[in-house]
C-alpha atoms as a PDB file:
ATOM      1  CA  MET A   1    -164.574 205.866  17.726  1.00  0.00           C
ATOM      2  CA  TRP A   2    -165.234 208.630  15.198  1.00  0.00           C
ATOM      3  CA  ARG A   3    -161.701 209.917  15.694  1.00  0.00           C
ATOM      4  CA  ILE A   4    -160.305 206.540  14.724  1.00  0.00           C
ATOM      5  CA  ARG A   5    -162.465 206.533  11.601  1.00  0.00           C
ATOM      6  CA  VAL A   6    -161.326 210.041  10.635  1.00  0.00           C
ATOM      7  CA  PHE A   7    -157.668 209.136  11.059  1.00  0.00           C
ATOM      8  CA  ALA A   8    -158.119 205.963   9.057  1.00  0.00           C
ATOM      9  CA  GLY A   9    -159.857 207.912   6.296  1.00  0.00           C
ATOM     10  CA  LEU A  10    -157.096 210.505   6.183  1.00  0.00           C
ATOM     11  CA  ALA A  11    -154.475 207.784   6.009  1.00  0.00           C
ATOM     12  CA  LEU A  12    -156.285 206.138   3.107  1.00  0.00           C
ATOM     13  CA  LEU A  13    -156.667 209.475   1.320  1.00  0.00           C
ATOM     14  CA  GLY A  14    -152.974 210.175   1.745  1.00  0.00           C
ATOM     15  CA  ALA A  15    -152.053 206.792   0.343  1.00  0.00           C
ATOM     16  CA  LEU A  16    -154.218 207.419  -2.699  1.00  0.00           C
ATOM     17  CA  THR A  17    -153.035 210.963  -3.409  1.00  0.00           C
ATOM     18  CA  THR A  18    -149.296 210.679  -2.616  1.00  0.00           C
ATOM     19  CA  PRO A  19    -147.347 210.129  -5.858  1.00  0.00           C
ATOM     20  CA  SER A  20    -145.302 206.940  -5.980  1.00  0.00           C
ATOM     21  CA  VAL A  21    -141.531 207.411  -5.696  1.00  0.00           C
ATOM     22  CA  ALA A  22    -139.622 205.936  -8.636  1.00  0.00           C
ATOM     23  CA  ALA A  23    -136.748 203.648  -7.831  1.00  0.00           C
ATOM     24  CA  ALA A  24    -133.427 205.464  -7.918  1.00  0.00           C
ATOM     25  CA  PRO A  25    -131.328 204.558 -10.951  1.00  0.00           C
ATOM     26  CA  ASN A  26    -128.450 202.248 -10.116  1.00  0.00           C
ATOM     27  CA  GLU A  27    -124.900 202.406 -11.457  1.00  0.00           C
ATOM     28  CA  LEU A  28    -125.546 199.798 -14.130  1.00  0.00           C
ATOM     29  CA  ASP A  29    -128.447 201.901 -15.455  1.00  0.00           C
ATOM     30  CA  ASN A  30    -126.269 205.013 -15.412  1.00  0.00           C
ATOM     31  CA  ILE A  31    -123.516 203.287 -17.382  1.00  0.00           C
ATOM     32  CA  ILE A  32    -125.904 201.993 -20.026  1.00  0.00           C
ATOM     33  CA  LYS A  33    -127.645 205.376 -20.288  1.00  0.00           C
ATOM     34  CA  SER A  34    -124.392 207.334 -20.606  1.00  0.00           C
ATOM     35  CA  GLY A  35    -122.896 204.838 -23.035  1.00  0.00           C
ATOM     36  CA  ILE A  36    -119.552 204.952 -21.195  1.00  0.00           C
ATOM     37  CA  VAL A  37    -117.974 202.850 -18.457  1.00  0.00           C
ATOM     38  CA  ARG A  38    -115.069 204.393 -16.530  1.00  0.00           C
ATOM     39  CA  VAL A  39    -112.629 201.709 -15.432  1.00  0.00           C
ATOM     40  CA  ALA A  40    -109.688 202.353 -13.099  1.00  0.00           C
ATOM     41  CA  VAL A  41    -106.651 200.406 -14.328  1.00  0.00           C
ATOM     42  CA  PRO A  42    -102.900 200.247 -13.581  1.00  0.00           C
ATOM     43  CA  ASP A  43    -100.496 202.153 -15.824  1.00  0.00           C
ATOM     44  CA  ASN A  44     -97.171 201.004 -14.361  1.00  0.00           C
ATOM     45  CA  PHE A  45     -97.580 197.347 -13.452  1.00  0.00           C
ATOM     46  CA  PRO A  46     -96.838 195.061 -16.404  1.00  0.00           C
ATOM     47  CA  PRO A  47     -98.183 192.735 -17.566  1.00  0.00           C
ATOM     48  CA  PHE A  48    -101.475 193.856 -15.962  1.00  0.00           C
ATOM     49  CA  GLY A  49    -101.242 197.431 -17.201  1.00  0.00           C
ATOM     50  CA  ASP A  50     -98.486 199.560 -18.685  1.00  0.00           C
ATOM     51  CA  VAL A  51     -97.949 202.292 -21.260  1.00  0.00           C
ATOM     52  CA  GLY A  52     -96.695 200.835 -24.532  1.00  0.00           C
ATOM     53  CA  PRO A  53     -94.459 202.352 -27.241  1.00  0.00           C
ATOM     54  CA  ASP A  54     -97.641 203.694 -28.870  1.00  0.00           C
ATOM     55  CA  THR A  55     -98.357 205.661 -25.624  1.00  0.00           C
ATOM     56  CA  LYS A  56    -101.500 203.575 -25.121  1.00  0.00           C
ATOM     57  CA  LEU A  57    -102.262 201.317 -22.160  1.00  0.00           C
ATOM     58  CA  HIS A  58    -101.792 197.581 -22.669  1.00  0.00           C
ATOM     59  CA  GLY A  59    -102.048 194.559 -20.397  1.00  0.00           C
ATOM     60  CA  TYR A  60    -104.218 191.909 -18.807  1.00  0.00           C
ATOM     61  CA  ASP A  61    -106.390 194.411 -16.927  1.00  0.00           C
ATOM     62  CA  ILE A  62    -106.729 196.608 -20.011  1.00  0.00           C
ATOM     63  CA  ASP A  63    -108.009 193.651 -22.013  1.00  0.00           C
ATOM     64  CA  MET A  64    -110.369 192.772 -19.176  1.00  0.00           C
ATOM     65  CA  ALA A  65    -111.752 196.309 -19.071  1.00  0.00           C
ATOM     66  CA  GLY A  66    -112.322 196.188 -22.821  1.00  0.00           C
ATOM     67  CA  LEU A  67    -114.066 192.845 -22.522  1.00  0.00           C
ATOM     68  CA  ILE A  68    -116.523 194.203 -19.946  1.00  0.00           C
ATOM     69  CA  ALA A  69    -117.174 197.393 -21.942  1.00  0.00           C
ATOM     70  CA  ASP A  70    -117.897 195.363 -25.069  1.00  0.00           C
ATOM     71  CA  ALA A  71    -120.246 193.050 -23.172  1.00  0.00           C
ATOM     72  CA  LEU A  72    -122.116 196.066 -21.770  1.00  0.00           C
ATOM     73  CA  GLY A  73    -122.297 197.616 -25.227  1.00  0.00           C
ATOM     74  CA  VAL A  74    -120.659 200.873 -24.126  1.00  0.00           C
ATOM     75  CA  LYS A  75    -117.460 202.824 -24.775  1.00  0.00           C
ATOM     76  CA  LEU A  76    -114.461 202.326 -22.507  1.00  0.00           C
ATOM     77  CA  ASP A  77    -112.905 205.201 -20.568  1.00  0.00           C
ATOM     78  CA  LEU A  78    -109.651 204.051 -18.955  1.00  0.00           C
ATOM     79  CA  VAL A  79    -108.711 205.827 -15.719  1.00  0.00           C
ATOM     80  CA  PRO A  80    -105.035 205.240 -14.764  1.00  0.00           C
ATOM     81  CA  VAL A  81    -104.527 204.666 -11.023  1.00  0.00           C
ATOM     82  CA  SER A  82    -101.758 203.673  -8.638  1.00  0.00           C
ATOM     83  CA  SER A  83    -101.940 200.955  -5.996  1.00  0.00           C
ATOM     84  CA  THR A  84    -102.513 203.542  -3.257  1.00  0.00           C
ATOM     85  CA  ASN A  85    -105.309 205.531  -4.872  1.00  0.00           C
ATOM     86  CA  ARG A  86    -107.147 202.834  -6.787  1.00  0.00           C
ATOM     87  CA  ILE A  87    -109.794 202.067  -4.116  1.00  0.00           C
ATOM     88  CA  PRO A  88    -110.441 205.774  -3.310  1.00  0.00           C
ATOM     89  CA  TYR A  89    -110.980 206.410  -7.029  1.00  0.00           C
ATOM     90  CA  LEU A  90    -113.765 203.833  -6.947  1.00  0.00           C
ATOM     91  CA  THR A  91    -115.360 204.838  -3.644  1.00  0.00           C
ATOM     92  CA  ASP A  92    -115.224 208.551  -4.541  1.00  0.00           C
ATOM     93  CA  GLY A  93    -117.030 207.956  -7.821  1.00  0.00           C
ATOM     94  CA  LYS A  94    -114.119 208.772 -10.129  1.00  0.00           C
ATOM     95  CA  ALA A  95    -114.469 205.319 -11.692  1.00  0.00           C
ATOM     96  CA  ASP A  96    -117.381 202.919 -12.148  1.00  0.00           C
ATOM     97  CA  LEU A  97    -115.257 199.774 -11.842  1.00  0.00           C
ATOM     98  CA  LEU A  98    -111.803 198.938 -10.537  1.00  0.00           C
ATOM     99  CA  ILE A  99    -109.708 196.443 -12.525  1.00  0.00           C
ATOM    100  CA  SER A 100    -106.193 196.747 -11.149  1.00  0.00           C
ATOM    101  CA  SER A 101    -104.758 193.345 -10.154  1.00  0.00           C
ATOM    102  CA  LEU A 102    -106.861 193.766  -7.020  1.00  0.00           C
ATOM    103  CA  GLY A 103    -106.656 191.125  -4.310  1.00  0.00           C
ATOM    104  CA  LYS A 104    -109.374 190.590  -1.718  1.00  0.00           C
ATOM    105  CA  ASP A 105    -109.002 190.829   2.049  1.00  0.00           C
ATOM    106  CA  PRO A 106    -111.357 191.561   5.009  1.00  0.00           C
ATOM    107  CA  ASP A 107    -110.347 195.233   5.279  1.00  0.00           C
ATOM    108  CA  ARG A 108    -110.995 195.900   1.598  1.00  0.00           C
ATOM    109  CA  GLU A 109    -114.308 194.051   1.757  1.00  0.00           C
ATOM    110  CA  LYS A 110    -115.494 196.674   4.240  1.00  0.00           C
ATOM    111  CA  LEU A 111    -114.972 199.371   1.605  1.00  0.00           C
ATOM    112  CA  ILE A 112    -115.996 197.796  -1.706  1.00  0.00           C
ATOM    113  CA  ASP A 113    -117.548 194.671  -3.175  1.00  0.00           C
ATOM    114  CA  PHE A 114    -115.647 192.122  -5.243  1.00  0.00           C
ATOM    115  CA  SER A 115    -116.574 190.135  -8.329  1.00  0.00           C
ATOM    116  CA  ILE A 116    -115.618 186.531  -8.819  1.00  0.00           C
ATOM    117  CA  ALA A 117    -111.944 186.088  -9.734  1.00  0.00           C
ATOM    118  CA  TYR A 118    -110.954 186.984 -13.279  1.00  0.00           C
ATOM    119  CA  ALA A 119    -107.164 186.501 -13.210  1.00  0.00           C
ATOM    120  CA  PRO A 120    -104.649 184.314 -11.418  1.00  0.00           C
ATOM    121  CA  PHE A 121    -102.176 186.105  -9.192  1.00  0.00           C
ATOM    122  CA  PHE A 122     -99.995 183.836  -7.143  1.00  0.00           C
ATOM    123  CA  SER A 123     -96.502 183.092  -5.935  1.00  0.00           C
ATOM    124  CA  GLY A 124     -94.933 179.771  -6.736  1.00  0.00           C
ATOM    125  CA  VAL A 125     -91.815 177.823  -7.587  1.00  0.00           C
ATOM    126  CA  PHE A 126     -91.066 177.934 -11.322  1.00  0.00           C
ATOM    127  CA  GLY A 127     -88.545 176.098 -13.456  1.00  0.00           C
ATOM    128  CA  PRO A 128     -87.884 174.351 -16.791  1.00  0.00           C
ATOM    129  CA  ASP A 129     -89.986 171.358 -17.800  1.00  0.00           C
ATOM    130  CA  ASN A 130     -87.034 168.987 -17.535  1.00  0.00           C
ATOM    131  CA  ILE A 131     -86.633 169.551 -13.770  1.00  0.00           C
ATOM    132  CA  ALA A 132     -88.953 167.188 -11.919  1.00  0.00           C
ATOM    133  CA  VAL A 133     -90.392 169.176  -9.019  1.00  0.00           C
ATOM    134  CA  ALA A 134     -94.025 168.954  -7.966  1.00  0.00           C
ATOM    135  CA  LYS A 135     -93.955 169.514  -4.190  1.00  0.00           C
ATOM    136  CA  PRO A 136     -91.708 171.029  -1.509  1.00  0.00           C
ATOM    137  CA  GLU A 137     -90.064 167.675  -0.760  1.00  0.00           C
ATOM    138  CA  ASP A 138     -88.750 167.580  -4.328  1.00  0.00           C
ATOM    139  CA  LEU A 139     -86.618 170.685  -3.697  1.00  0.00           C
ATOM    140  CA  THR A 140     -83.932 168.703  -1.876  1.00  0.00           C
ATOM    141  CA  GLY A 141     -80.656 169.177  -3.710  1.00  0.00           C
ATOM    142  CA  LYS A 142     -82.073 171.870  -6.028  1.00  0.00           C
ATOM    143  CA  THR A 143     -80.944 175.501  -6.146  1.00  0.00           C
ATOM    144  CA  ILE A 144     -83.740 178.072  -5.937  1.00  0.00           C
ATOM    145  CA  ALA A 145     -83.355 181.818  -6.554  1.00  0.00           C
ATOM    146  CA  VAL A 146     -85.615 184.118  -4.529  1.00  0.00           C
ATOM    147  CA  THR A 147     -85.783 187.798  -3.637  1.00  0.00           C
ATOM    148  CA  ARG A 148     -84.656 188.367  -0.064  1.00  0.00           C
ATOM    149  CA  ASP A 149     -87.365 189.159   2.540  1.00  0.00           C
ATOM    150  CA  SER A 150     -90.139 188.769  -0.021  1.00  0.00           C
ATOM    151  CA  ILE A 151     -93.407 186.877   0.444  1.00  0.00           C
ATOM    152  CA  GLU A 152     -91.873 184.086  -1.617  1.00  0.00           C
ATOM    153  CA  ASP A 153     -88.792 184.006   0.614  1.00  0.00           C
ATOM    154  CA  ALA A 154     -90.898 183.563   3.754  1.00  0.00           C
ATOM    155  CA  ALA A 155     -93.138 180.936   2.161  1.00  0.00           C
ATOM    156  CA  LEU A 156     -90.237 179.019   0.646  1.00  0.00           C
ATOM    157  CA  THR A 157     -88.257 179.009   3.895  1.00  0.00           C
ATOM    158  CA  LYS A 158     -91.291 177.587   5.646  1.00  0.00           C
ATOM    159  CA  VAL A 159     -91.874 174.690   3.265  1.00  0.00           C
ATOM    160  CA  SER A 160     -88.415 173.893   1.907  1.00  0.00           C
ATOM    161  CA  PRO A 161     -86.758 170.817   3.487  1.00  0.00           C
ATOM    162  CA  ASP A 162     -83.331 172.057   2.362  1.00  0.00           C
ATOM    163  CA  THR A 163     -82.898 175.750   3.195  1.00  0.00           C
ATOM    164  CA  GLY A 164     -79.252 175.607   2.135  1.00  0.00           C
ATOM    165  CA  ALA A 165     -80.404 175.368  -1.496  1.00  0.00           C
ATOM    166  CA  ILE A 166     -82.195 178.739  -1.322  1.00  0.00           C
ATOM    167  CA  GLU A 167     -80.133 181.494  -2.921  1.00  0.00           C
ATOM    168  CA  ARG A 168     -81.359 184.924  -1.807  1.00  0.00           C
ATOM    169  CA  TYR A 169     -80.932 188.076  -3.889  1.00  0.00           C
ATOM    170  CA  ASP A 170     -81.568 191.708  -3.023  1.00  0.00           C
ATOM    171  CA  ASP A 171     -84.133 192.360  -5.769  1.00  0.00           C
ATOM    172  CA  ASN A 172     -86.238 190.634  -8.410  1.00  0.00           C
ATOM    173  CA  ALA A 173     -83.823 191.536 -11.200  1.00  0.00           C
ATOM    174  CA  ASP A 174     -80.896 189.732  -9.532  1.00  0.00           C
ATOM    175  CA  ALA A 175     -83.029 186.661  -8.852  1.00  0.00           C
ATOM    176  CA  GLU A 176     -84.147 186.644 -12.499  1.00  0.00           C
ATOM    177  CA  VAL A 177     -80.550 186.881 -13.736  1.00  0.00           C
ATOM    178  CA  ALA A 178     -79.553 183.970 -11.498  1.00  0.00           C
ATOM    179  CA  PHE A 179     -82.291 181.825 -12.998  1.00  0.00           C
ATOM    180  CA  LEU A 180     -81.801 182.941 -16.595  1.00  0.00           C
ATOM    181  CA  SER A 181     -78.035 182.401 -16.420  1.00  0.00           C
ATOM    182  CA  GLY A 182     -78.458 178.913 -14.989  1.00  0.00           C
ATOM    183  CA  ARG A 183     -76.857 179.705 -11.620  1.00  0.00           C
ATOM    184  CA  ALA A 184     -80.151 178.633 -10.071  1.00  0.00           C
ATOM    185  CA  GLU A 185     -82.229 175.740 -11.356  1.00  0.00           C
ATOM    186  CA  LEU A 186     -85.505 177.165 -10.092  1.00  0.00           C
ATOM    187  CA  ILE A 187     -86.971 180.523  -9.111  1.00  0.00           C
ATOM    188  CA  ALA A 188     -89.537 181.334  -6.431  1.00  0.00           C
ATOM    189  CA  THR A 189     -91.509 184.389  -7.528  1.00  0.00           C
ATOM    190  CA  GLY A 190     -94.894 185.731  -8.535  1.00  0.00           C
ATOM    191  CA  ASN A 191     -96.596 184.633 -11.719  1.00  0.00           C
ATOM    192  CA  VAL A 192     -96.255 188.187 -13.070  1.00  0.00           C
ATOM    193  CA  VAL A 193     -92.473 188.057 -12.740  1.00  0.00           C
ATOM    194  CA  ALA A 194     -92.422 184.551 -14.197  1.00  0.00           C
ATOM    195  CA  ALA A 195     -94.293 185.821 -17.266  1.00  0.00           C
ATOM    196  CA  GLN A 196     -91.710 188.578 -17.708  1.00  0.00           C
ATOM    197  CA  VAL A 197     -88.858 186.066 -17.349  1.00  0.00           C
ATOM    198  CA  LEU A 198     -90.406 183.936 -20.085  1.00  0.00           C
ATOM    199  CA  ALA A 199     -90.720 186.956 -22.360  1.00  0.00           C
ATOM    200  CA  LYS A 200     -87.020 187.719 -21.879  1.00  0.00           C
ATOM    201  CA  SER A 201     -85.734 184.215 -22.491  1.00  0.00           C
ATOM    202  CA  PRO A 202     -87.946 181.488 -23.975  1.00  0.00           C
ATOM    203  CA  MET A 203     -84.944 179.156 -23.773  1.00  0.00           C
ATOM    204  CA  ARG A 204     -85.332 179.057 -19.975  1.00  0.00           C
ATOM    205  CA  LYS A 205     -89.089 178.724 -20.060  1.00  0.00           C
ATOM    206  CA  PRO A 206     -90.338 178.789 -16.441  1.00  0.00           C
ATOM    207  CA  THR A 207     -93.388 176.619 -15.797  1.00  0.00           C
ATOM    208  CA  ILE A 208     -95.207 176.415 -12.475  1.00  0.00           C
ATOM    209  CA  LYS A 209     -93.991 173.596 -10.242  1.00  0.00           C
ATOM    210  CA  PHE A 210     -96.140 174.203  -7.168  1.00  0.00           C
ATOM    211  CA  LEU A 211     -98.003 177.003  -5.422  1.00  0.00           C
ATOM    212  CA  LEU A 212     -96.601 179.017  -2.526  1.00  0.00           C
ATOM    213  CA  LYS A 213     -99.321 181.626  -2.013  1.00  0.00           C
ATOM    214  CA  ASN A 214    -102.549 182.318  -3.874  1.00  0.00           C
ATOM    215  CA  SER A 215    -104.235 185.716  -4.291  1.00  0.00           C
ATOM    216  CA  PRO A 216    -106.429 185.945  -7.432  1.00  0.00           C
ATOM    217  CA  CYS A 217    -107.534 189.251  -8.945  1.00  0.00           C
ATOM    218  CA  TYR A 218    -111.084 190.590  -8.685  1.00  0.00           C
ATOM    219  CA  VAL A 219    -113.067 193.458 -10.181  1.00  0.00           C
ATOM    220  CA  GLY A 220    -113.921 196.086  -7.576  1.00  0.00           C
ATOM    221  CA  VAL A 221    -117.481 197.468  -7.429  1.00  0.00           C
ATOM    222  CA  ARG A 222    -118.837 200.189  -5.141  1.00  0.00           C
ATOM    223  CA  LYS A 223    -120.991 199.061  -2.230  1.00  0.00           C
ATOM    224  CA  GLY A 224    -124.727 199.045  -2.849  1.00  0.00           C
ATOM    225  CA  GLU A 225    -124.577 198.152  -6.559  1.00  0.00           C
ATOM    226  CA  PRO A 226    -125.817 194.541  -6.699  1.00  0.00           C
ATOM    227  CA  ASP A 227    -127.061 194.804 -10.299  1.00  0.00           C
ATOM    228  CA  LEU A 228    -123.685 195.973 -11.606  1.00  0.00           C
ATOM    229  CA  LEU A 229    -121.861 193.338  -9.545  1.00  0.00           C
ATOM    230  CA  ALA A 230    -124.138 190.594 -10.861  1.00  0.00           C
ATOM    231  CA  ARG A 231    -123.666 191.748 -14.454  1.00  0.00           C
ATOM    232  CA  VAL A 232    -119.874 191.825 -14.102  1.00  0.00           C
ATOM    233  CA  ASN A 233    -119.946 188.301 -12.673  1.00  0.00           C
ATOM    234  CA  GLU A 234    -122.043 187.125 -15.622  1.00  0.00           C
ATOM    235  CA  ILE A 235    -119.529 188.631 -18.053  1.00  0.00           C
ATOM    236  CA  ILE A 236    -116.565 187.000 -16.297  1.00  0.00           C
ATOM    237  CA  MET A 237    -118.204 183.577 -16.240  1.00  0.00           C
ATOM    238  CA  ALA A 238    -119.183 183.844 -19.909  1.00  0.00           C
ATOM    239  CA  ALA A 239    -115.621 184.859 -20.822  1.00  0.00           C
ATOM    240  CA  HIS A 240    -114.288 181.868 -18.939  1.00  0.00           C
ATOM    241  CA  GLY A 241    -116.756 179.539 -20.599  1.00  0.00           C
ATOM    242  CA  ASP A 242    -116.005 180.640 -24.151  1.00  0.00           C
ATOM    243  CA  GLY A 243    -112.231 180.656 -23.668  1.00  0.00           C
ATOM    244  CA  THR A 244    -111.716 184.432 -23.810  1.00  0.00           C
ATOM    245  CA  LEU A 245    -110.212 184.627 -20.311  1.00  0.00           C
ATOM    246  CA  ASN A 246    -107.917 181.735 -21.076  1.00  0.00           C
ATOM    247  CA  ARG A 247    -106.603 183.543 -24.153  1.00  0.00           C
ATOM    248  CA  ILE A 248    -106.010 186.736 -22.157  1.00  0.00           C
ATOM    249  CA  SER A 249    -104.147 184.795 -19.468  1.00  0.00           C
ATOM    250  CA  GLU A 250    -101.960 182.961 -21.966  1.00  0.00           C
ATOM    251  CA  ARG A 251    -101.233 186.218 -23.781  1.00  0.00           C
ATOM    252  CA  TRP A 252    -100.099 188.166 -20.732  1.00  0.00           C
ATOM    253  CA  LEU A 253     -99.222 185.631 -18.018  1.00  0.00           C
ATOM    254  CA  LYS A 254     -98.119 182.739 -20.241  1.00  0.00           C
ATOM    255  CA  VAL A 255    -100.211 180.240 -18.248  1.00  0.00           C
ATOM    256  CA  PRO A 256    -103.653 178.721 -18.885  1.00  0.00           C
ATOM    257  CA  LEU A 257    -106.552 179.284 -16.532  1.00  0.00           C
ATOM    258  CA  GLY A 258    -107.990 176.760 -14.148  1.00  0.00           C
ATOM    259  CA  ASP A 259    -111.538 176.853 -12.748  1.00  0.00           C
ATOM    260  CA  PRO A 260    -112.483 180.243 -11.184  1.00  0.00           C
ATOM    261  CA  GLU A 261    -115.341 178.600  -9.283  1.00  0.00           C
ATOM    262  CA  HIS A 262    -112.860 176.436  -7.406  1.00  0.00           C
ATOM    263  CA  PRO A 263    -111.951 177.970  -3.995  1.00  0.00           C
ATOM    264  CA  ASP A 264    -108.248 177.361  -4.587  1.00  0.00           C
ATOM    265  CA  TRP A 265    -108.184 178.712  -8.119  1.00  0.00           C
ATOM    266  CA  VAL A 266    -104.646 179.657  -9.089  1.00  0.00           C
ATOM    267  CA  GLY A 267    -105.022 179.897 -12.817  1.00  0.00           C
ATOM    268  CA  VAL A 268    -103.033 176.804 -13.731  1.00  0.00           C
ATOM    269  CA  LYS A 269    -104.044 173.321 -14.765  1.00  0.00           C
END
């Protein structure tokens, strides 16, 4: 019995004399303390990120990075990345956040965490306002330009009731020319390409007719950083609520935002 009492006494003494271990600082704390947030962004993928004539980075993701830095009250350090190295830059600690037109899938979710969606990224059928198309059945008798063997080609072939109206081209540029020149009434492409087409020729303004495939963009956060993830989500929701995200989308993608809380959010009303 006395042995039990001795052990209990020693355990109590140890609990009283052992100094408490302070909680390890998380990434959000580190960012605030340093006064800088390093954000990995694209530098060759307009309109999400590209080097402008002033040699500075411009684009949707650049604006988004600036928005988050401002909300955190810190300076922004842009870290240019490619599609292949963007996730390693985040996981290896070379960047605090990843904002690079990043889509979410099960394999990526094993490596990093994702914010709520901040930007629409989708493939669809686009065309002038005066062409009445709202669903695949309306494509009958219409000519549609699409890049051969692309995601849009596969999706369009699957849903189109009139495959003879699909005009396939070897690259995006040829499909764009076909639409801009009027050889094709519609174009099946990504919203990024559609925004570029609009910038080239407002006279053939392409508006979204219907969705083919949806893959919104998310901010990437390293695993094990729930405070930073929660703060980023708060910033995105606030920017949606006050109209800031809508202005960024209309500036770079030429389309208004929808509701990012909706599971099928595609960034159009």
